[in-house]
């Protein structure tokens, strides 16, 4: 994966089977698991010092590409709130 256009290949419209919703929230990227399987995978795949708000993972945008690559390699898809900010990168 080299950039936001590559990530778009792994994005489905909201409600169409994505495992994680992704959107910008202030200066962070919010990664929200949409299933129990996605939640379990995320909790077991990030470091213990990660920033959480409930089941939602907050990451600095510079770390998102690594998380996105791991999510994709694990076979999950994203739902992205296109809103004003589009795909995080």
PDB file of N, CA and C in Angstrom:
ATOM      1  N   UNK A   1       0.853  -1.167   0.000  1.00  0.00           N
ATOM      2  CA  UNK A   1       0.000   0.000   0.000  1.00  0.00           C
ATOM      3  C   UNK A   1       0.896   1.226   0.000  1.00  0.00           C
ATOM      4  N   UNK A   2       0.629   2.153  -0.908  1.00  0.00           N
ATOM      5  CA  UNK A   2       1.503   3.312  -1.009  1.00  0.00           C
ATOM      6  C   UNK A   2       0.814   4.629  -0.767  1.00  0.00           C
ATOM      7  N   UNK A   3      -0.484   4.689  -0.751  1.00  0.00           N
ATOM      8  CA  UNK A   3      -1.149   5.960  -0.541  1.00  0.00           C
ATOM      9  C   UNK A   3      -2.647   5.811  -0.447  1.00  0.00           C
ATOM     10  N   UNK A   4      -3.350   6.961  -0.296  1.00  0.00           N
ATOM     11  CA  UNK A   4      -4.797   6.912  -0.102  1.00  0.00           C
ATOM     12  C   UNK A   4      -5.554   6.292  -1.262  1.00  0.00           C
ATOM     13  N   UNK A   5      -5.053   6.392  -2.480  1.00  0.00           N
ATOM     14  CA  UNK A   5      -5.752   5.766  -3.603  1.00  0.00           C
ATOM     15  C   UNK A   5      -5.714   4.253  -3.502  1.00  0.00           C
ATOM     16  N   UNK A   6      -4.616   3.701  -2.981  1.00  0.00           N
ATOM     17  CA  UNK A   6      -4.532   2.254  -2.781  1.00  0.00           C
ATOM     18  C   UNK A   6      -5.527   1.809  -1.714  1.00  0.00           C
ATOM     19  N   UNK A   7      -5.679   2.601  -0.657  1.00  0.00           N
ATOM     20  CA  UNK A   7      -6.614   2.274   0.415  1.00  0.00           C
ATOM     21  C   UNK A   7      -8.042   2.210  -0.114  1.00  0.00           C
ATOM     22  N   UNK A   8      -8.382   3.044  -1.058  1.00  0.00           N
ATOM     23  CA  UNK A   8      -9.753   3.077  -1.590  1.00  0.00           C
ATOM     24  C   UNK A   8     -10.194   1.731  -2.160  1.00  0.00           C
ATOM     25  N   UNK A   9      -9.257   0.894  -2.568  1.00  0.00           N
ATOM     26  CA  UNK A   9      -9.615  -0.439  -3.076  1.00  0.00           C
ATOM     27  C   UNK A   9     -10.189  -1.325  -1.979  1.00  0.00           C
ATOM     28  N   UNK A  10      -9.955  -0.949  -0.737  1.00  0.00           N
ATOM     29  CA  UNK A  10     -10.408  -1.750   0.402  1.00  0.00           C
ATOM     30  C   UNK A  10     -11.513  -1.053   1.187  1.00  0.00           C
ATOM     31  N   UNK A  11     -12.199  -0.122   0.521  1.00  0.00           N
ATOM     32  CA  UNK A  11     -13.267   0.653   1.143  1.00  0.00           C
ATOM     33  C   UNK A  11     -14.591   0.285   0.498  1.00  0.00           C
ATOM     34  N   UNK A  12     -15.592   0.053   1.342  1.00  0.00           N
ATOM     35  CA  UNK A  12     -16.946  -0.202   0.866  1.00  0.00           C
ATOM     36  C   UNK A  12     -17.857   0.884   1.415  1.00  0.00           C
ATOM     37  N   UNK A  13     -18.990   1.122   0.749  1.00  0.00           N
ATOM     38  CA  UNK A  13     -19.932   2.120   1.260  1.00  0.00           C
ATOM     39  C   UNK A  13     -20.465   1.708   2.634  1.00  0.00           C
ATOM     40  N   UNK A  14     -20.833   2.684   3.457  1.00  0.00           N
ATOM     41  CA  UNK A  14     -21.408   2.372   4.769  1.00  0.00           C
ATOM     42  C   UNK A  14     -22.557   1.377   4.649  1.00  0.00           C
ATOM     43  N   UNK A  15     -22.545   0.382   5.525  1.00  0.00           N
ATOM     44  CA  UNK A  15     -23.591  -0.633   5.543  1.00  0.00           C
ATOM     45  C   UNK A  15     -23.404  -1.766   4.560  1.00  0.00           C
ATOM     46  N   UNK A  16     -22.243  -1.819   3.881  1.00  0.00           N
ATOM     47  CA  UNK A  16     -22.026  -2.845   2.851  1.00  0.00           C
ATOM     48  C   UNK A  16     -20.957  -3.857   3.214  1.00  0.00           C
ATOM     49  N   UNK A  17     -20.780  -4.130   4.495  1.00  0.00           N
ATOM     50  CA  UNK A  17     -19.906  -5.217   4.890  1.00  0.00           C
ATOM     51  C   UNK A  17     -18.515  -4.851   5.363  1.00  0.00           C
ATOM     52  N   UNK A  18     -18.245  -3.595   5.599  1.00  0.00           N
ATOM     53  CA  UNK A  18     -16.947  -3.222   6.143  1.00  0.00           C
ATOM     54  C   UNK A  18     -16.810  -3.689   7.587  1.00  0.00           C
ATOM     55  N   UNK A  19     -15.603  -3.937   8.007  1.00  0.00           N
ATOM     56  CA  UNK A  19     -15.339  -4.375   9.375  1.00  0.00           C
ATOM     57  C   UNK A  19     -14.931  -3.229  10.292  1.00  0.00           C
ATOM     58  N   UNK A  20     -14.445  -2.140   9.693  1.00  0.00           N
ATOM     59  CA  UNK A  20     -14.015  -0.976  10.457  1.00  0.00           C
ATOM     60  C   UNK A  20     -14.528   0.294   9.794  1.00  0.00           C
ATOM     61  N   UNK A  21     -15.053   1.212  10.605  1.00  0.00           N
ATOM     62  CA  UNK A  21     -15.389   2.549  10.120  1.00  0.00           C
ATOM     63  C   UNK A  21     -14.195   3.433  10.451  1.00  0.00           C
ATOM     64  N   UNK A  22     -13.851   4.317   9.537  1.00  0.00           N
ATOM     65  CA  UNK A  22     -12.708   5.195   9.717  1.00  0.00           C
ATOM     66  C   UNK A  22     -13.120   6.620   9.400  1.00  0.00           C
ATOM     67  N   UNK A  23     -12.711   7.546  10.268  1.00  0.00           N
ATOM     68  CA  UNK A  23     -12.971   8.965  10.006  1.00  0.00           C
ATOM     69  C   UNK A  23     -11.999   9.807  10.809  1.00  0.00           C
ATOM     70  N   UNK A  24     -11.835  11.020  10.360  1.00  0.00           N
ATOM     71  CA  UNK A  24     -10.997  11.959  11.112  1.00  0.00           C
ATOM     72  C   UNK A  24     -11.816  12.489  12.285  1.00  0.00           C
ATOM     73  N   UNK A  25     -11.118  12.710  13.389  1.00  0.00           N
ATOM     74  CA  UNK A  25     -11.739  13.285  14.577  1.00  0.00           C
ATOM     75  C   UNK A  25     -10.706  14.233  15.170  1.00  0.00           C
ATOM     76  N   UNK A  26     -10.881  15.519  14.894  1.00  0.00           N
ATOM     77  CA  UNK A  26      -9.868  16.484  15.307  1.00  0.00           C
ATOM     78  C   UNK A  26      -8.560  16.172  14.607  1.00  0.00           C
ATOM     79  N   UNK A  27      -7.483  16.068  15.351  1.00  0.00           N
ATOM     80  CA  UNK A  27      -6.180  15.771  14.783  1.00  0.00           C
ATOM     81  C   UNK A  27      -5.867  14.292  14.751  1.00  0.00           C
ATOM     82  N   UNK A  28      -6.876  13.463  14.941  1.00  0.00           N
ATOM     83  CA  UNK A  28      -6.678  12.020  14.998  1.00  0.00           C
ATOM     84  C   UNK A  28      -7.511  11.305  13.950  1.00  0.00           C
ATOM     85  N   UNK A  29      -7.170  10.047  13.727  1.00  0.00           N
ATOM     86  CA  UNK A  29      -7.990   9.159  12.915  1.00  0.00           C
ATOM     87  C   UNK A  29      -8.680   8.212  13.891  1.00  0.00           C
ATOM     88  N   UNK A  30      -9.985   8.111  13.769  1.00  0.00           N
ATOM     89  CA  UNK A  30     -10.787   7.235  14.616  1.00  0.00           C
ATOM     90  C   UNK A  30     -11.036   5.938  13.855  1.00  0.00           C
ATOM     91  N   UNK A  31     -10.672   4.815  14.459  1.00  0.00           N
ATOM     92  CA  UNK A  31     -10.890   3.493  13.871  1.00  0.00           C
ATOM     93  C   UNK A  31     -11.913   2.795  14.754  1.00  0.00           C
ATOM     94  N   UNK A  32     -13.077   2.522  14.188  1.00  0.00           N
ATOM     95  CA  UNK A  32     -14.174   1.917  14.945  1.00  0.00           C
ATOM     96  C   UNK A  32     -14.469   0.517  14.415  1.00  0.00           C
ATOM     97  N   UNK A  33     -14.285  -0.502  15.233  1.00  0.00           N
ATOM     98  CA  UNK A  33     -14.643  -1.853  14.785  1.00  0.00           C
ATOM     99  C   UNK A  33     -16.163  -1.978  14.681  1.00  0.00           C
ATOM    100  N   UNK A  34     -16.629  -2.638  13.622  1.00  0.00           N
ATOM    101  CA  UNK A  34     -18.067  -2.757  13.376  1.00  0.00           C
ATOM    102  C   UNK A  34     -18.613  -4.150  13.671  1.00  0.00           C
ATOM    103  N   UNK A  35     -17.749  -5.032  14.149  1.00  0.00           N
ATOM    104  CA  UNK A  35     -18.187  -6.386  14.509  1.00  0.00           C
ATOM    105  C   UNK A  35     -17.362  -6.853  15.700  1.00  0.00           C
ATOM    106  N   UNK A  36     -17.854  -7.881  16.362  1.00  0.00           N
ATOM    107  CA  UNK A  36     -17.110  -8.449  17.490  1.00  0.00           C
ATOM    108  C   UNK A  36     -15.758  -8.986  17.020  1.00  0.00           C
ATOM    109  N   UNK A  37     -15.741  -9.625  15.845  1.00  0.00           N
ATOM    110  CA  UNK A  37     -14.492 -10.160  15.307  1.00  0.00           C
ATOM    111  C   UNK A  37     -13.473  -9.045  15.065  1.00  0.00           C
ATOM    112  N   UNK A  38     -13.925  -7.941  14.477  1.00  0.00           N
ATOM    113  CA  UNK A  38     -13.036  -6.809  14.214  1.00  0.00           C
ATOM    114  C   UNK A  38     -12.541  -6.202  15.527  1.00  0.00           C
ATOM    115  N   UNK A  39     -13.419  -6.093  16.505  1.00  0.00           N
ATOM    116  CA  UNK A  39     -13.042  -5.540  17.803  1.00  0.00           C
ATOM    117  C   UNK A  39     -11.974  -6.395  18.478  1.00  0.00           C
ATOM    118  N   UNK A  40     -12.174  -7.689  18.477  1.00  0.00           N
ATOM    119  CA  UNK A  40     -11.196  -8.606  19.079  1.00  0.00           C
ATOM    120  C   UNK A  40      -9.854  -8.520  18.361  1.00  0.00           C
ATOM    121  N   UNK A  41      -9.901  -8.496  17.030  1.00  0.00           N
ATOM    122  CA  UNK A  41      -8.664  -8.417  16.261  1.00  0.00           C
ATOM    123  C   UNK A  41      -7.922  -7.124  16.577  1.00  0.00           C
ATOM    124  N   UNK A  42      -8.636  -6.006  16.594  1.00  0.00           N
ATOM    125  CA  UNK A  42      -8.001  -4.713  16.834  1.00  0.00           C
ATOM    126  C   UNK A  42      -7.356  -4.674  18.216  1.00  0.00           C
ATOM    127  N   UNK A  43      -8.083  -5.122  19.227  1.00  0.00           N
ATOM    128  CA  UNK A  43      -7.546  -5.095  20.590  1.00  0.00           C
ATOM    129  C   UNK A  43      -6.302  -5.968  20.728  1.00  0.00           C
ATOM    130  N   UNK A  44      -6.254  -7.067  19.999  1.00  0.00           N
ATOM    131  CA  UNK A  44      -5.100  -7.952  20.103  1.00  0.00           C
ATOM    132  C   UNK A  44      -3.954  -7.550  19.178  1.00  0.00           C
ATOM    133  N   UNK A  45      -4.180  -6.570  18.303  1.00  0.00           N
ATOM    134  CA  UNK A  45      -3.184  -6.235  17.288  1.00  0.00           C
ATOM    135  C   UNK A  45      -2.469  -4.908  17.498  1.00  0.00           C
ATOM    136  N   UNK A  46      -2.930  -4.100  18.430  1.00  0.00           N
ATOM    137  CA  UNK A  46      -2.266  -2.815  18.669  1.00  0.00           C
ATOM    138  C   UNK A  46      -1.556  -2.857  20.015  1.00  0.00           C
ATOM    139  N   UNK A  47      -0.637  -1.952  20.203  1.00  0.00           N
ATOM    140  CA  UNK A  47       0.147  -1.942  21.437  1.00  0.00           C
ATOM    141  C   UNK A  47      -0.711  -1.566  22.642  1.00  0.00           C
ATOM    142  N   UNK A  48      -0.230  -1.929  23.796  1.00  0.00           N
ATOM    143  CA  UNK A  48      -0.961  -1.686  25.031  1.00  0.00           C
ATOM    144  C   UNK A  48      -1.105  -0.199  25.339  1.00  0.00           C
ATOM    145  N   UNK A  49      -0.226   0.635  24.806  1.00  0.00           N
ATOM    146  CA  UNK A  49      -0.303   2.064  25.093  1.00  0.00           C
ATOM    147  C   UNK A  49      -1.134   2.837  24.061  1.00  0.00           C
ATOM    148  N   UNK A  50      -1.931   2.137  23.271  1.00  0.00           N
ATOM    149  CA  UNK A  50      -2.802   2.771  22.271  1.00  0.00           C
ATOM    150  C   UNK A  50      -3.849   3.637  22.976  1.00  0.00           C
ATOM    151  N   UNK A  51      -4.369   4.609  22.249  1.00  0.00           N
ATOM    152  CA  UNK A  51      -5.391   5.511  22.775  1.00  0.00           C
ATOM    153  C   UNK A  51      -6.774   4.988  22.420  1.00  0.00           C
ATOM    154  N   UNK A  52      -7.559   4.673  23.446  1.00  0.00           N
ATOM    155  CA  UNK A  52      -8.892   4.102  23.254  1.00  0.00           C
ATOM    156  C   UNK A  52      -9.949   5.005  23.866  1.00  0.00           C
ATOM    157  N   UNK A  53     -11.106   5.018  23.247  1.00  0.00           N
ATOM    158  CA  UNK A  53     -12.320   5.596  23.816  1.00  0.00           C
ATOM    159  C   UNK A  53     -13.382   4.525  23.615  1.00  0.00           C
ATOM    160  N   UNK A  54     -13.605   3.707  24.626  1.00  0.00           N
ATOM    161  CA  UNK A  54     -14.477   2.551  24.461  1.00  0.00           C
ATOM    162  C   UNK A  54     -13.823   1.573  23.509  1.00  0.00           C
ATOM    163  N   UNK A  55     -14.537   1.165  22.469  1.00  0.00           N
ATOM    164  CA  UNK A  55     -13.989   0.263  21.455  1.00  0.00           C
ATOM    165  C   UNK A  55     -13.302   0.996  20.314  1.00  0.00           C
ATOM    166  N   UNK A  56     -13.291   2.317  20.351  1.00  0.00           N
ATOM    167  CA  UNK A  56     -12.733   3.122  19.265  1.00  0.00           C
ATOM    168  C   UNK A  56     -11.250   3.395  19.515  1.00  0.00           C
ATOM    169  N   UNK A  57     -10.447   3.180  18.499  1.00  0.00           N
ATOM    170  CA  UNK A  57      -9.018   3.453  18.562  1.00  0.00           C
ATOM    171  C   UNK A  57      -8.751   4.817  17.937  1.00  0.00           C
ATOM    172  N   UNK A  58      -8.032   5.665  18.656  1.00  0.00           N
ATOM    173  CA  UNK A  58      -7.612   6.959  18.130  1.00  0.00           C
ATOM    174  C   UNK A  58      -6.131   6.886  17.822  1.00  0.00           C
ATOM    175  N   UNK A  59      -5.748   7.229  16.592  1.00  0.00           N
ATOM    176  CA  UNK A  59      -4.339   7.217  16.214  1.00  0.00           C
ATOM    177  C   UNK A  59      -3.980   8.513  15.508  1.00  0.00           C
ATOM    178  N   UNK A  60      -2.716   8.889  15.629  1.00  0.00           N
ATOM    179  CA  UNK A  60      -2.230  10.023  14.861  1.00  0.00           C
ATOM    180  C   UNK A  60      -2.227   9.616  13.392  1.00  0.00           C
ATOM    181  N   UNK A  61      -2.534  10.566  12.507  1.00  0.00           N
ATOM    182  CA  UNK A  61      -2.592  10.226  11.071  1.00  0.00           C
ATOM    183  C   UNK A  61      -1.333   9.561  10.542  1.00  0.00           C
ATOM    184  N   UNK A  62      -0.176   9.877  11.079  1.00  0.00           N
ATOM    185  CA  UNK A  62       1.069   9.273  10.578  1.00  0.00           C
ATOM    186  C   UNK A  62       1.142   7.779  10.857  1.00  0.00           C
ATOM    187  N   UNK A  63       0.386   7.292  11.842  1.00  0.00           N
ATOM    188  CA  UNK A  63       0.382   5.862  12.163  1.00  0.00           C
ATOM    189  C   UNK A  63      -0.722   5.098  11.442  1.00  0.00           C
ATOM    190  N   UNK A  64      -1.673   5.811  10.870  1.00  0.00           N
ATOM    191  CA  UNK A  64      -2.796   5.130  10.241  1.00  0.00           C
ATOM    192  C   UNK A  64      -2.393   4.208   9.094  1.00  0.00           C
ATOM    193  N   UNK A  65      -1.453   4.575   8.217  1.00  0.00           N
ATOM    194  CA  UNK A  65      -1.108   3.660   7.116  1.00  0.00           C
ATOM    195  C   UNK A  65      -0.658   2.278   7.595  1.00  0.00           C
ATOM    196  N   UNK A  66       0.091   2.222   8.697  1.00  0.00           N
ATOM    197  CA  UNK A  66       0.520   0.924   9.215  1.00  0.00           C
ATOM    198  C   UNK A  66      -0.664   0.110   9.716  1.00  0.00           C
ATOM    199  N   UNK A  67      -1.591   0.775  10.389  1.00  0.00           N
ATOM    200  CA  UNK A  67      -2.788   0.085  10.881  1.00  0.00           C
ATOM    201  C   UNK A  67      -3.638  -0.373   9.706  1.00  0.00           C
ATOM    202  N   UNK A  68      -3.803   0.490   8.722  1.00  0.00           N
ATOM    203  CA  UNK A  68      -4.601   0.132   7.545  1.00  0.00           C
ATOM    204  C   UNK A  68      -4.012  -1.080   6.838  1.00  0.00           C
ATOM    205  N   UNK A  69      -2.705  -1.108   6.702  1.00  0.00           N
ATOM    206  CA  UNK A  69      -2.063  -2.242   6.039  1.00  0.00           C
ATOM    207  C   UNK A  69      -2.299  -3.535   6.813  1.00  0.00           C
ATOM    208  N   UNK A  70      -2.204  -3.469   8.138  1.00  0.00           N
ATOM    209  CA  UNK A  70      -2.438  -4.662   8.962  1.00  0.00           C
ATOM    210  C   UNK A  70      -3.887  -5.122   8.864  1.00  0.00           C
ATOM    211  N   UNK A  71      -4.819  -4.168   8.860  1.00  0.00           N
ATOM    212  CA  UNK A  71      -6.243  -4.496   8.728  1.00  0.00           C
ATOM    213  C   UNK A  71      -6.492  -5.207   7.404  1.00  0.00           C
ATOM    214  N   UNK A  72      -5.929  -4.685   6.337  1.00  0.00           N
ATOM    215  CA  UNK A  72      -6.113  -5.255   5.003  1.00  0.00           C
ATOM    216  C   UNK A  72      -5.480  -6.650   4.923  1.00  0.00           C
ATOM    217  N   UNK A  73      -4.272  -6.787   5.464  1.00  0.00           N
ATOM    218  CA  UNK A  73      -3.607  -8.088   5.445  1.00  0.00           C
ATOM    219  C   UNK A  73      -4.388  -9.134   6.230  1.00  0.00           C
ATOM    220  N   UNK A  74      -5.149  -8.688   7.239  1.00  0.00           N
ATOM    221  CA  UNK A  74      -5.965  -9.611   8.036  1.00  0.00           C
ATOM    222  C   UNK A  74      -7.274  -9.964   7.330  1.00  0.00           C
ATOM    223  N   UNK A  75      -7.528  -9.331   6.179  1.00  0.00           N
ATOM    224  CA  UNK A  75      -8.708  -9.668   5.388  1.00  0.00           C
ATOM    225  C   UNK A  75      -9.942  -8.833   5.671  1.00  0.00           C
ATOM    226  N   UNK A  76      -9.774  -7.723   6.382  1.00  0.00           N
ATOM    227  CA  UNK A  76     -10.909  -6.851   6.692  1.00  0.00           C
ATOM    228  C   UNK A  76     -11.033  -5.730   5.659  1.00  0.00           C
ATOM    229  N   UNK A  77     -12.222  -5.130   5.608  1.00  0.00           N
ATOM    230  CA  UNK A  77     -12.483  -3.973   4.759  1.00  0.00           C
ATOM    231  C   UNK A  77     -12.871  -2.787   5.630  1.00  0.00           C
ATOM    232  N   UNK A  78     -12.787  -1.598   5.049  1.00  0.00           N
ATOM    233  CA  UNK A  78     -13.142  -0.361   5.727  1.00  0.00           C
ATOM    234  C   UNK A  78     -14.441   0.220   5.192  1.00  0.00           C
ATOM    235  N   UNK A  79     -15.181   0.878   6.068  1.00  0.00           N
ATOM    236  CA  UNK A  79     -16.222   1.815   5.672  1.00  0.00           C
ATOM    237  C   UNK A  79     -15.659   3.179   6.024  1.00  0.00           C
ATOM    238  N   UNK A  80     -15.753   4.119   5.116  1.00  0.00           N
ATOM    239  CA  UNK A  80     -15.184   5.437   5.368  1.00  0.00           C
ATOM    240  C   UNK A  80     -16.274   6.479   5.269  1.00  0.00           C
ATOM    241  N   UNK A  81     -16.336   7.320   6.299  1.00  0.00           N
ATOM    242  CA  UNK A  81     -17.234   8.467   6.282  1.00  0.00           C
ATOM    243  C   UNK A  81     -16.564   9.506   5.400  1.00  0.00           C
ATOM    244  N   UNK A  82     -17.018   9.604   4.146  1.00  0.00           N
ATOM    245  CA  UNK A  82     -16.378  10.510   3.197  1.00  0.00           C
ATOM    246  C   UNK A  82     -16.494  11.956   3.637  1.00  0.00           C
ATOM    247  N   UNK A  83     -17.607  12.346   4.239  1.00  0.00           N
ATOM    248  CA  UNK A  83     -17.778  13.686   4.794  1.00  0.00           C
ATOM    249  C   UNK A  83     -16.842  14.718   4.217  1.00  0.00           C
ATOM    250  N   UNK A  84     -16.366  15.579   5.057  1.00  0.00           N
ATOM    251  CA  UNK A  84     -15.475  16.644   4.623  1.00  0.00           C
ATOM    252  C   UNK A  84     -14.036  16.185   4.500  1.00  0.00           C
ATOM    253  N   UNK A  85     -13.658  15.124   5.215  1.00  0.00           N
ATOM    254  CA  UNK A  85     -12.253  14.786   5.274  1.00  0.00           C
ATOM    255  C   UNK A  85     -11.834  13.631   4.374  1.00  0.00           C
ATOM    256  N   UNK A  86     -12.758  12.790   3.959  1.00  0.00           N
ATOM    257  CA  UNK A  86     -12.404  11.686   3.073  1.00  0.00           C
ATOM    258  C   UNK A  86     -11.546  10.628   3.736  1.00  0.00           C
ATOM    259  N   UNK A  87     -10.860   9.865   2.933  1.00  0.00           N
ATOM    260  CA  UNK A  87     -10.025   8.765   3.437  1.00  0.00           C
ATOM    261  C   UNK A  87      -8.841   9.359   4.185  1.00  0.00           C
ATOM    262  N   UNK A  88      -8.599   8.934   5.414  1.00  0.00           N
ATOM    263  CA  UNK A  88      -7.428   9.419   6.157  1.00  0.00           C
ATOM    264  C   UNK A  88      -6.144   8.998   5.467  1.00  0.00           C
ATOM    265  N   UNK A  89      -5.153   9.856   5.531  1.00  0.00           N
ATOM    266  CA  UNK A  89      -3.826   9.512   4.990  1.00  0.00           C
ATOM    267  C   UNK A  89      -2.763  10.330   5.680  1.00  0.00           C
TER     268      UNK A  89
END
